[in-house]
């Protein structure tokens, strides 16, 4: 018995798009083989704050396509305490990271190691590109169909490995998949100006154009940190990880950034990393 699950954190829905595509295609490939009894279990979206207050436990029948975005070249540090609560129970896993066309640095190897440490068996993996959270031009529209075809290839290769294990009746997937990255992990990426000085945007938050806001509440529902309240839509009062879900999903364009350091960094990213990066898969 194989249960295919997808599990992800995805502020602007790009990580979700890739992870769901891999899980759906993996399910189809396994089902079409006829060699295994397979089900497509429900997706686990741990983007909302409340979803990270629930325990999640898996077992050896689960195959979890597990995705997070890359922030500063690493797994988002705001997720580490939640990830530490997971119980893998021998489930197989496909770690997936999504980055904004700069680099994924050590995020994928870090996610693989986290899952391994929590009792999962990562046997395939992928690093994909999505529209950068800060920008509407850097990797605009990605993941696109070309990216999703690579996601299909990852699913096909993963299905092949699972079916091989099923046929041979051996624990062929116990060794964690080899991926790019370094250990010890490198420090979080820091934006710098052209003189090499660090630009600190950690405390930067978006602002609200109250004249445009119609109080729809989308930003309240979509903020993964729960930092926007019903009482003050558009106002980020708590932690901001700059996923930009509030800005990008606001139908009125009422939320914006005007911090000079943030805007400088955004422009440097757009200028310096405009060339198309391609996904990498590991099987």
C-alpha atoms as a PDB file:
ATOM      1  CA  UNK A   1       0.000   0.000   0.000  1.00  0.00           C
ATOM      2  CA  UNK A   2       1.321   3.445  -0.953  1.00  0.00           C
ATOM      3  CA  UNK A   3      -0.279   6.734   0.105  1.00  0.00           C
ATOM      4  CA  UNK A   4       0.971   9.722  -1.884  1.00  0.00           C
ATOM      5  CA  UNK A   5       0.751  12.969   0.070  1.00  0.00           C
ATOM      6  CA  UNK A   6       1.758  16.547  -0.621  1.00  0.00           C
ATOM      7  CA  UNK A   7       2.836  18.849   2.201  1.00  0.00           C
ATOM      8  CA  UNK A   8       4.036  22.404   1.776  1.00  0.00           C
ATOM      9  CA  UNK A   9       4.473  25.977   2.962  1.00  0.00           C
ATOM     10  CA  UNK A  10       3.607  28.359   0.131  1.00  0.00           C
ATOM     11  CA  UNK A  11       2.808  32.043   0.675  1.00  0.00           C
ATOM     12  CA  UNK A  12       2.307  33.022  -2.960  1.00  0.00           C
ATOM     13  CA  UNK A  13       1.271  29.528  -4.124  1.00  0.00           C
ATOM     14  CA  UNK A  14       4.345  28.787  -6.273  1.00  0.00           C
ATOM     15  CA  UNK A  15       5.774  26.054  -4.047  1.00  0.00           C
ATOM     16  CA  UNK A  16       2.301  24.550  -3.838  1.00  0.00           C
ATOM     17  CA  UNK A  17       2.040  24.440  -7.635  1.00  0.00           C
ATOM     18  CA  UNK A  18       5.232  22.404  -7.999  1.00  0.00           C
ATOM     19  CA  UNK A  19       4.618  20.078  -5.062  1.00  0.00           C
ATOM     20  CA  UNK A  20       1.042  19.294  -6.103  1.00  0.00           C
ATOM     21  CA  UNK A  21       2.170  18.617  -9.670  1.00  0.00           C
ATOM     22  CA  UNK A  22       4.836  16.149  -8.504  1.00  0.00           C
ATOM     23  CA  UNK A  23       2.434  14.395  -6.122  1.00  0.00           C
ATOM     24  CA  UNK A  24      -0.362  14.159  -8.693  1.00  0.00           C
ATOM     25  CA  UNK A  25       1.926  12.796 -11.399  1.00  0.00           C
ATOM     26  CA  UNK A  26       3.605  10.386  -8.967  1.00  0.00           C
ATOM     27  CA  UNK A  27       0.197   9.031  -8.029  1.00  0.00           C
ATOM     28  CA  UNK A  28      -0.798   8.610 -11.682  1.00  0.00           C
ATOM     29  CA  UNK A  29       2.463   6.884 -12.606  1.00  0.00           C
ATOM     30  CA  UNK A  30       2.184   4.461  -9.695  1.00  0.00           C
ATOM     31  CA  UNK A  31      -1.471   3.751 -10.388  1.00  0.00           C
ATOM     32  CA  UNK A  32      -0.833   3.131 -14.081  1.00  0.00           C
ATOM     33  CA  UNK A  33       1.901   0.615 -13.277  1.00  0.00           C
ATOM     34  CA  UNK A  34      -0.533  -1.789 -11.645  1.00  0.00           C
ATOM     35  CA  UNK A  35       2.266  -3.005  -9.392  1.00  0.00           C
ATOM     36  CA  UNK A  36       1.169  -1.266  -6.237  1.00  0.00           C
ATOM     37  CA  UNK A  37      -2.045  -0.353  -4.463  1.00  0.00           C
ATOM     38  CA  UNK A  38      -1.871   3.421  -4.320  1.00  0.00           C
ATOM     39  CA  UNK A  39      -4.059   6.249  -3.021  1.00  0.00           C
ATOM     40  CA  UNK A  40      -3.771  10.024  -3.288  1.00  0.00           C
ATOM     41  CA  UNK A  41      -4.139  11.268   0.273  1.00  0.00           C
ATOM     42  CA  UNK A  42      -5.187  14.783   1.162  1.00  0.00           C
ATOM     43  CA  UNK A  43      -2.757  17.675   0.866  1.00  0.00           C
ATOM     44  CA  UNK A  44      -1.291  19.272   3.987  1.00  0.00           C
ATOM     45  CA  UNK A  45      -0.852  23.018   3.611  1.00  0.00           C
ATOM     46  CA  UNK A  46       1.025  24.289   6.647  1.00  0.00           C
ATOM     47  CA  UNK A  47       1.151  27.881   5.428  1.00  0.00           C
ATOM     48  CA  UNK A  48      -1.637  29.133   7.749  1.00  0.00           C
ATOM     49  CA  UNK A  49      -0.397  29.659  11.309  1.00  0.00           C
ATOM     50  CA  UNK A  50      -3.030  27.335  12.758  1.00  0.00           C
ATOM     51  CA  UNK A  51      -1.858  24.481  10.540  1.00  0.00           C
ATOM     52  CA  UNK A  52       1.515  24.588  12.273  1.00  0.00           C
ATOM     53  CA  UNK A  53      -0.093  24.018  15.657  1.00  0.00           C
ATOM     54  CA  UNK A  54      -1.269  20.531  14.689  1.00  0.00           C
ATOM     55  CA  UNK A  55       0.898  17.385  15.086  1.00  0.00           C
ATOM     56  CA  UNK A  56       1.614  15.397  11.934  1.00  0.00           C
ATOM     57  CA  UNK A  57       2.697  11.772  12.021  1.00  0.00           C
ATOM     58  CA  UNK A  58       3.344   9.434   9.103  1.00  0.00           C
ATOM     59  CA  UNK A  59       4.225   5.793   8.589  1.00  0.00           C
ATOM     60  CA  UNK A  60       5.986   3.525   6.121  1.00  0.00           C
ATOM     61  CA  UNK A  61       3.022   3.511   3.707  1.00  0.00           C
ATOM     62  CA  UNK A  62       3.294   7.270   3.131  1.00  0.00           C
ATOM     63  CA  UNK A  63       5.249   8.936   0.347  1.00  0.00           C
ATOM     64  CA  UNK A  64       5.359  12.657   1.132  1.00  0.00           C
ATOM     65  CA  UNK A  65       6.265  15.293  -1.458  1.00  0.00           C
ATOM     66  CA  UNK A  66       7.447  17.981   0.966  1.00  0.00           C
ATOM     67  CA  UNK A  67       8.026  21.565  -0.163  1.00  0.00           C
ATOM     68  CA  UNK A  68       9.255  24.824   1.300  1.00  0.00           C
ATOM     69  CA  UNK A  69      10.407  28.090  -0.241  1.00  0.00           C
ATOM     70  CA  UNK A  70      14.009  29.219   0.032  1.00  0.00           C
ATOM     71  CA  UNK A  71      14.645  32.320   2.117  1.00  0.00           C
ATOM     72  CA  UNK A  72      18.198  33.682   2.149  1.00  0.00           C
ATOM     73  CA  UNK A  73      19.513  30.401   0.764  1.00  0.00           C
ATOM     74  CA  UNK A  74      18.101  28.237   3.534  1.00  0.00           C
ATOM     75  CA  UNK A  75      14.927  26.628   4.813  1.00  0.00           C
ATOM     76  CA  UNK A  76      12.931  29.517   6.363  1.00  0.00           C
ATOM     77  CA  UNK A  77      14.052  29.724   9.970  1.00  0.00           C
ATOM     78  CA  UNK A  78      10.504  30.527  11.127  1.00  0.00           C
ATOM     79  CA  UNK A  79       9.578  26.956  10.145  1.00  0.00           C
ATOM     80  CA  UNK A  80      12.310  25.145  12.061  1.00  0.00           C
ATOM     81  CA  UNK A  81      10.424  24.713  15.320  1.00  0.00           C
ATOM     82  CA  UNK A  82       7.398  23.348  13.464  1.00  0.00           C
ATOM     83  CA  UNK A  83       9.486  20.972  11.366  1.00  0.00           C
ATOM     84  CA  UNK A  84      11.004  19.642  14.567  1.00  0.00           C
ATOM     85  CA  UNK A  85       7.556  18.385  15.632  1.00  0.00           C
ATOM     86  CA  UNK A  86       7.101  16.083  12.617  1.00  0.00           C
ATOM     87  CA  UNK A  87       7.113  12.308  13.056  1.00  0.00           C
ATOM     88  CA  UNK A  88       8.264  10.609   9.868  1.00  0.00           C
ATOM     89  CA  UNK A  89       7.685   7.042  11.017  1.00  0.00           C
ATOM     90  CA  UNK A  90       9.668   5.595   8.122  1.00  0.00           C
ATOM     91  CA  UNK A  91       7.697   7.448   5.446  1.00  0.00           C
ATOM     92  CA  UNK A  92       9.483   8.040   2.167  1.00  0.00           C
ATOM     93  CA  UNK A  93       9.904  11.672   1.196  1.00  0.00           C
ATOM     94  CA  UNK A  94      10.705  13.860  -1.771  1.00  0.00           C
ATOM     95  CA  UNK A  95      12.052  17.192  -0.445  1.00  0.00           C
ATOM     96  CA  UNK A  96      11.430  20.099  -2.799  1.00  0.00           C
ATOM     97  CA  UNK A  97      12.598  23.698  -2.485  1.00  0.00           C
ATOM     98  CA  UNK A  98      11.558  26.663  -4.580  1.00  0.00           C
ATOM     99  CA  UNK A  99      13.727  29.760  -5.048  1.00  0.00           C
ATOM    100  CA  UNK A 100      13.451  33.069  -6.862  1.00  0.00           C
ATOM    101  CA  UNK A 101      16.115  32.561  -9.575  1.00  0.00           C
ATOM    102  CA  UNK A 102      19.132  33.579  -7.472  1.00  0.00           C
ATOM    103  CA  UNK A 103      20.228  30.282  -5.884  1.00  0.00           C
ATOM    104  CA  UNK A 104      18.953  27.678  -3.469  1.00  0.00           C
ATOM    105  CA  UNK A 105      22.366  27.464  -1.743  1.00  0.00           C
ATOM    106  CA  UNK A 106      22.002  24.957   1.136  1.00  0.00           C
ATOM    107  CA  UNK A 107      18.219  24.912   1.432  1.00  0.00           C
ATOM    108  CA  UNK A 108      17.703  21.544  -0.240  1.00  0.00           C
ATOM    109  CA  UNK A 109      20.371  19.671   1.684  1.00  0.00           C
ATOM    110  CA  UNK A 110      19.084  21.286   4.879  1.00  0.00           C
ATOM    111  CA  UNK A 111      15.501  20.199   4.175  1.00  0.00           C
ATOM    112  CA  UNK A 112      16.690  16.698   3.291  1.00  0.00           C
ATOM    113  CA  UNK A 113      18.639  16.494   6.556  1.00  0.00           C
ATOM    114  CA  UNK A 114      15.715  17.802   8.610  1.00  0.00           C
ATOM    115  CA  UNK A 115      13.384  15.194   7.161  1.00  0.00           C
ATOM    116  CA  UNK A 116      15.956  12.436   7.652  1.00  0.00           C
ATOM    117  CA  UNK A 117      16.393  13.464  11.257  1.00  0.00           C
ATOM    118  CA  UNK A 118      12.636  13.292  11.826  1.00  0.00           C
ATOM    119  CA  UNK A 119      12.359   9.718  10.595  1.00  0.00           C
ATOM    120  CA  UNK A 120      11.613  10.220   6.886  1.00  0.00           C
ATOM    121  CA  UNK A 121      13.497   8.509   4.058  1.00  0.00           C
ATOM    122  CA  UNK A 122      14.267  11.106   1.369  1.00  0.00           C
ATOM    123  CA  UNK A 123      14.880   9.149  -1.849  1.00  0.00           C
ATOM    124  CA  UNK A 124      14.456  11.843  -4.522  1.00  0.00           C
ATOM    125  CA  UNK A 125      14.528  15.636  -4.455  1.00  0.00           C
ATOM    126  CA  UNK A 126      14.222  18.780  -6.511  1.00  0.00           C
ATOM    127  CA  UNK A 127      15.024  22.503  -6.575  1.00  0.00           C
ATOM    128  CA  UNK A 128      12.654  24.593  -8.661  1.00  0.00           C
ATOM    129  CA  UNK A 129      12.258  28.234  -9.604  1.00  0.00           C
ATOM    130  CA  UNK A 130       9.291  30.479  -8.885  1.00  0.00           C
ATOM    131  CA  UNK A 131       8.608  34.153  -9.371  1.00  0.00           C
ATOM    132  CA  UNK A 132      10.675  35.942  -6.737  1.00  0.00           C
ATOM    133  CA  UNK A 133       8.534  37.066  -3.839  1.00  0.00           C
ATOM    134  CA  UNK A 134       9.938  40.601  -4.022  1.00  0.00           C
ATOM    135  CA  UNK A 135       9.440  41.025  -7.763  1.00  0.00           C
ATOM    136  CA  UNK A 136       6.944  40.743 -10.595  1.00  0.00           C
ATOM    137  CA  UNK A 137       9.675  40.534 -13.236  1.00  0.00           C
ATOM    138  CA  UNK A 138      12.335  38.216 -11.744  1.00  0.00           C
ATOM    139  CA  UNK A 139      11.338  34.696 -12.867  1.00  0.00           C
ATOM    140  CA  UNK A 140       7.944  36.143 -13.761  1.00  0.00           C
ATOM    141  CA  UNK A 141       5.230  33.553 -14.236  1.00  0.00           C
ATOM    142  CA  UNK A 142       7.307  30.670 -12.967  1.00  0.00           C
ATOM    143  CA  UNK A 143       6.966  27.829 -12.374  1.00  0.00           C
ATOM    144  CA  UNK A 144       5.918  27.657 -16.019  1.00  0.00           C
ATOM    145  CA  UNK A 145       5.035  24.666 -18.174  1.00  0.00           C
ATOM    146  CA  UNK A 146       8.689  23.959 -18.857  1.00  0.00           C
ATOM    147  CA  UNK A 147       9.338  23.787 -15.113  1.00  0.00           C
ATOM    148  CA  UNK A 148       6.332  21.538 -14.596  1.00  0.00           C
ATOM    149  CA  UNK A 149       7.624  19.135 -17.218  1.00  0.00           C
ATOM    150  CA  UNK A 150      10.742  18.769 -15.071  1.00  0.00           C
ATOM    151  CA  UNK A 151       8.445  18.149 -12.106  1.00  0.00           C
ATOM    152  CA  UNK A 152       6.837  15.360 -14.140  1.00  0.00           C
ATOM    153  CA  UNK A 153      10.286  13.893 -14.826  1.00  0.00           C
ATOM    154  CA  UNK A 154      11.062  13.899 -11.107  1.00  0.00           C
ATOM    155  CA  UNK A 155       7.772  12.135 -10.398  1.00  0.00           C
ATOM    156  CA  UNK A 156       8.448   9.528 -13.071  1.00  0.00           C
ATOM    157  CA  UNK A 157      11.931   8.791 -11.725  1.00  0.00           C
ATOM    158  CA  UNK A 158      10.614   8.610  -8.161  1.00  0.00           C
ATOM    159  CA  UNK A 159       7.857   6.231  -9.223  1.00  0.00           C
ATOM    160  CA  UNK A 160      10.471   4.027 -10.877  1.00  0.00           C
ATOM    161  CA  UNK A 161      12.473   3.816  -7.673  1.00  0.00           C
ATOM    162  CA  UNK A 162       9.403   2.995  -5.610  1.00  0.00           C
ATOM    163  CA  UNK A 163       8.302   0.310  -8.032  1.00  0.00           C
ATOM    164  CA  UNK A 164      11.775  -1.184  -8.101  1.00  0.00           C
ATOM    165  CA  UNK A 165      11.696  -1.478  -4.333  1.00  0.00           C
ATOM    166  CA  UNK A 166       8.218  -3.031  -4.538  1.00  0.00           C
ATOM    167  CA  UNK A 167       9.349  -5.624  -7.065  1.00  0.00           C
ATOM    168  CA  UNK A 168      12.566  -6.494  -5.259  1.00  0.00           C
ATOM    169  CA  UNK A 169      11.093  -6.411  -1.778  1.00  0.00           C
ATOM    170  CA  UNK A 170      14.217  -4.696  -0.463  1.00  0.00           C
ATOM    171  CA  UNK A 171      14.856  -1.478   1.422  1.00  0.00           C
ATOM    172  CA  UNK A 172      16.579   0.080  -1.570  1.00  0.00           C
ATOM    173  CA  UNK A 173      15.624   3.627  -0.609  1.00  0.00           C
ATOM    174  CA  UNK A 174      17.080   3.783   2.893  1.00  0.00           C
ATOM    175  CA  UNK A 175      20.105   5.907   1.898  1.00  0.00           C
ATOM    176  CA  UNK A 176      19.188   9.627   1.688  1.00  0.00           C
ATOM    177  CA  UNK A 177      19.338  10.986  -1.844  1.00  0.00           C
ATOM    178  CA  UNK A 178      22.489  12.960  -2.667  1.00  0.00           C
ATOM    179  CA  UNK A 179      21.776  16.639  -3.395  1.00  0.00           C
ATOM    180  CA  UNK A 180      23.757  19.821  -3.970  1.00  0.00           C
ATOM    181  CA  UNK A 181      24.696  21.913  -0.969  1.00  0.00           C
ATOM    182  CA  UNK A 182      27.254  22.141   1.803  1.00  0.00           C
ATOM    183  CA  UNK A 183      27.539  20.961   5.369  1.00  0.00           C
ATOM    184  CA  UNK A 184      28.050  22.702   7.666  1.00  0.00           C
ATOM    185  CA  UNK A 185      25.420  24.922   6.067  1.00  0.00           C
ATOM    186  CA  UNK A 186      26.536  28.325   4.921  1.00  0.00           C
ATOM    187  CA  UNK A 187      25.216  31.416   6.741  1.00  0.00           C
ATOM    188  CA  UNK A 188      21.987  32.970   5.558  1.00  0.00           C
ATOM    189  CA  UNK A 189      22.454  35.056   2.426  1.00  0.00           C
ATOM    190  CA  UNK A 190      22.790  38.767   3.194  1.00  0.00           C
ATOM    191  CA  UNK A 191      22.010  41.457   0.625  1.00  0.00           C
ATOM    192  CA  UNK A 192      24.783  43.973   0.149  1.00  0.00           C
ATOM    193  CA  UNK A 193      25.294  47.262  -1.640  1.00  0.00           C
ATOM    194  CA  UNK A 194      27.935  47.744  -4.325  1.00  0.00           C
ATOM    195  CA  UNK A 195      30.529  48.590  -1.693  1.00  0.00           C
ATOM    196  CA  UNK A 196      29.897  45.283   0.062  1.00  0.00           C
ATOM    197  CA  UNK A 197      28.000  46.758   2.988  1.00  0.00           C
ATOM    198  CA  UNK A 198      25.184  44.665   4.442  1.00  0.00           C
ATOM    199  CA  UNK A 199      21.664  45.938   3.751  1.00  0.00           C
ATOM    200  CA  UNK A 200      19.529  44.919   6.707  1.00  0.00           C
ATOM    201  CA  UNK A 201      15.914  44.415   5.660  1.00  0.00           C
ATOM    202  CA  UNK A 202      14.908  42.029   8.444  1.00  0.00           C
ATOM    203  CA  UNK A 203      12.541  44.522  10.082  1.00  0.00           C
ATOM    204  CA  UNK A 204      11.156  45.978   6.874  1.00  0.00           C
ATOM    205  CA  UNK A 205       7.383  45.670   6.494  1.00  0.00           C
ATOM    206  CA  UNK A 206       4.990  46.631   3.707  1.00  0.00           C
ATOM    207  CA  UNK A 207       2.738  49.651   3.981  1.00  0.00           C
ATOM    208  CA  UNK A 208      -0.908  50.218   3.166  1.00  0.00           C
ATOM    209  CA  UNK A 209      -2.472  52.709   0.792  1.00  0.00           C
ATOM    210  CA  UNK A 210      -5.700  53.148   2.730  1.00  0.00           C
ATOM    211  CA  UNK A 211      -7.380  54.897  -0.191  1.00  0.00           C
ATOM    212  CA  UNK A 212      -7.108  51.700  -2.261  1.00  0.00           C
ATOM    213  CA  UNK A 213      -7.994  49.201   0.468  1.00  0.00           C
ATOM    214  CA  UNK A 214     -11.586  47.944   0.339  1.00  0.00           C
ATOM    215  CA  UNK A 215     -11.287  45.793   3.466  1.00  0.00           C
ATOM    216  CA  UNK A 216     -11.682  42.472   1.610  1.00  0.00           C
ATOM    217  CA  UNK A 217      -9.547  40.637   4.191  1.00  0.00           C
ATOM    218  CA  UNK A 218      -7.480  38.602   1.746  1.00  0.00           C
ATOM    219  CA  UNK A 219      -4.252  39.819   3.344  1.00  0.00           C
ATOM    220  CA  UNK A 220      -5.564  38.811   6.772  1.00  0.00           C
ATOM    221  CA  UNK A 221      -6.289  35.267   5.592  1.00  0.00           C
ATOM    222  CA  UNK A 222      -3.132  34.855   3.516  1.00  0.00           C
ATOM    223  CA  UNK A 223      -0.439  36.135   5.901  1.00  0.00           C
ATOM    224  CA  UNK A 224       1.407  32.962   6.973  1.00  0.00           C
ATOM    225  CA  UNK A 225       2.583  34.575  10.180  1.00  0.00           C
ATOM    226  CA  UNK A 226      -0.847  35.775  11.289  1.00  0.00           C
ATOM    227  CA  UNK A 227       0.583  39.275  11.463  1.00  0.00           C
ATOM    228  CA  UNK A 228      -2.391  41.102   9.916  1.00  0.00           C
ATOM    229  CA  UNK A 229      -5.601  41.360  11.936  1.00  0.00           C
ATOM    230  CA  UNK A 230      -9.239  41.743  10.976  1.00  0.00           C
ATOM    231  CA  UNK A 231      -9.259  44.979  12.927  1.00  0.00           C
ATOM    232  CA  UNK A 232      -6.555  46.511  10.711  1.00  0.00           C
ATOM    233  CA  UNK A 233      -6.443  44.883   7.244  1.00  0.00           C
ATOM    234  CA  UNK A 234      -3.249  45.642   5.359  1.00  0.00           C
ATOM    235  CA  UNK A 235      -1.310  46.640   8.466  1.00  0.00           C
ATOM    236  CA  UNK A 236       1.479  44.186   9.341  1.00  0.00           C
ATOM    237  CA  UNK A 237       1.725  44.423  13.106  1.00  0.00           C
ATOM    238  CA  UNK A 238       3.716  41.267  13.797  1.00  0.00           C
ATOM    239  CA  UNK A 239       6.580  39.332  12.209  1.00  0.00           C
ATOM    240  CA  UNK A 240       7.029  39.841   8.473  1.00  0.00           C
ATOM    241  CA  UNK A 241       9.062  37.254   6.537  1.00  0.00           C
ATOM    242  CA  UNK A 242       8.606  39.185   3.270  1.00  0.00           C
ATOM    243  CA  UNK A 243       6.899  36.325   1.486  1.00  0.00           C
ATOM    244  CA  UNK A 244       4.883  39.166  -0.085  1.00  0.00           C
ATOM    245  CA  UNK A 245       1.665  37.168  -0.098  1.00  0.00           C
ATOM    246  CA  UNK A 246      -0.221  40.224   1.147  1.00  0.00           C
ATOM    247  CA  UNK A 247       1.187  42.473  -1.580  1.00  0.00           C
ATOM    248  CA  UNK A 248       0.907  40.043  -4.475  1.00  0.00           C
ATOM    249  CA  UNK A 249      -2.529  38.700  -3.624  1.00  0.00           C
ATOM    250  CA  UNK A 250      -4.153  42.073  -2.864  1.00  0.00           C
ATOM    251  CA  UNK A 251      -6.668  42.617  -5.683  1.00  0.00           C
ATOM    252  CA  UNK A 252      -6.610  46.395  -5.175  1.00  0.00           C
ATOM    253  CA  UNK A 253      -2.826  46.847  -5.164  1.00  0.00           C
ATOM    254  CA  UNK A 254      -3.164  48.538  -1.798  1.00  0.00           C
ATOM    255  CA  UNK A 255      -0.042  47.055  -0.174  1.00  0.00           C
ATOM    256  CA  UNK A 256       3.430  48.197  -1.131  1.00  0.00           C
ATOM    257  CA  UNK A 257       7.059  48.516   0.003  1.00  0.00           C
ATOM    258  CA  UNK A 258       8.919  51.807   0.045  1.00  0.00           C
ATOM    259  CA  UNK A 259      11.959  51.034   2.201  1.00  0.00           C
ATOM    260  CA  UNK A 260      15.053  52.236   0.243  1.00  0.00           C
ATOM    261  CA  UNK A 261      17.204  49.239   1.215  1.00  0.00           C
ATOM    262  CA  UNK A 262      14.491  46.775   0.243  1.00  0.00           C
ATOM    263  CA  UNK A 263      13.900  48.490  -3.101  1.00  0.00           C
ATOM    264  CA  UNK A 264      17.644  48.634  -3.802  1.00  0.00           C
ATOM    265  CA  UNK A 265      18.014  44.919  -3.062  1.00  0.00           C
ATOM    266  CA  UNK A 266      14.989  44.109  -5.209  1.00  0.00           C
ATOM    267  CA  UNK A 267      16.467  46.029  -8.142  1.00  0.00           C
ATOM    268  CA  UNK A 268      19.881  44.397  -7.708  1.00  0.00           C
ATOM    269  CA  UNK A 269      18.267  40.969  -7.787  1.00  0.00           C
ATOM    270  CA  UNK A 270      16.327  41.835 -10.924  1.00  0.00           C
ATOM    271  CA  UNK A 271      19.438  43.139 -12.653  1.00  0.00           C
ATOM    272  CA  UNK A 272      21.917  40.540 -11.452  1.00  0.00           C
ATOM    273  CA  UNK A 273      19.886  37.355 -11.794  1.00  0.00           C
ATOM    274  CA  UNK A 274      17.786  37.960 -14.878  1.00  0.00           C
ATOM    275  CA  UNK A 275      19.154  34.964 -16.786  1.00  0.00           C
ATOM    276  CA  UNK A 276      16.866  31.987 -16.575  1.00  0.00           C
ATOM    277  CA  UNK A 277      17.866  29.306 -14.061  1.00  0.00           C
ATOM    278  CA  UNK A 278      16.638  25.764 -14.608  1.00  0.00           C
ATOM    279  CA  UNK A 279      15.292  23.265 -12.075  1.00  0.00           C
ATOM    280  CA  UNK A 280      17.512  20.512 -10.750  1.00  0.00           C
ATOM    281  CA  UNK A 281      16.253  17.070  -9.817  1.00  0.00           C
ATOM    282  CA  UNK A 282      17.993  14.323  -7.857  1.00  0.00           C
ATOM    283  CA  UNK A 283      17.078  10.643  -7.949  1.00  0.00           C
END
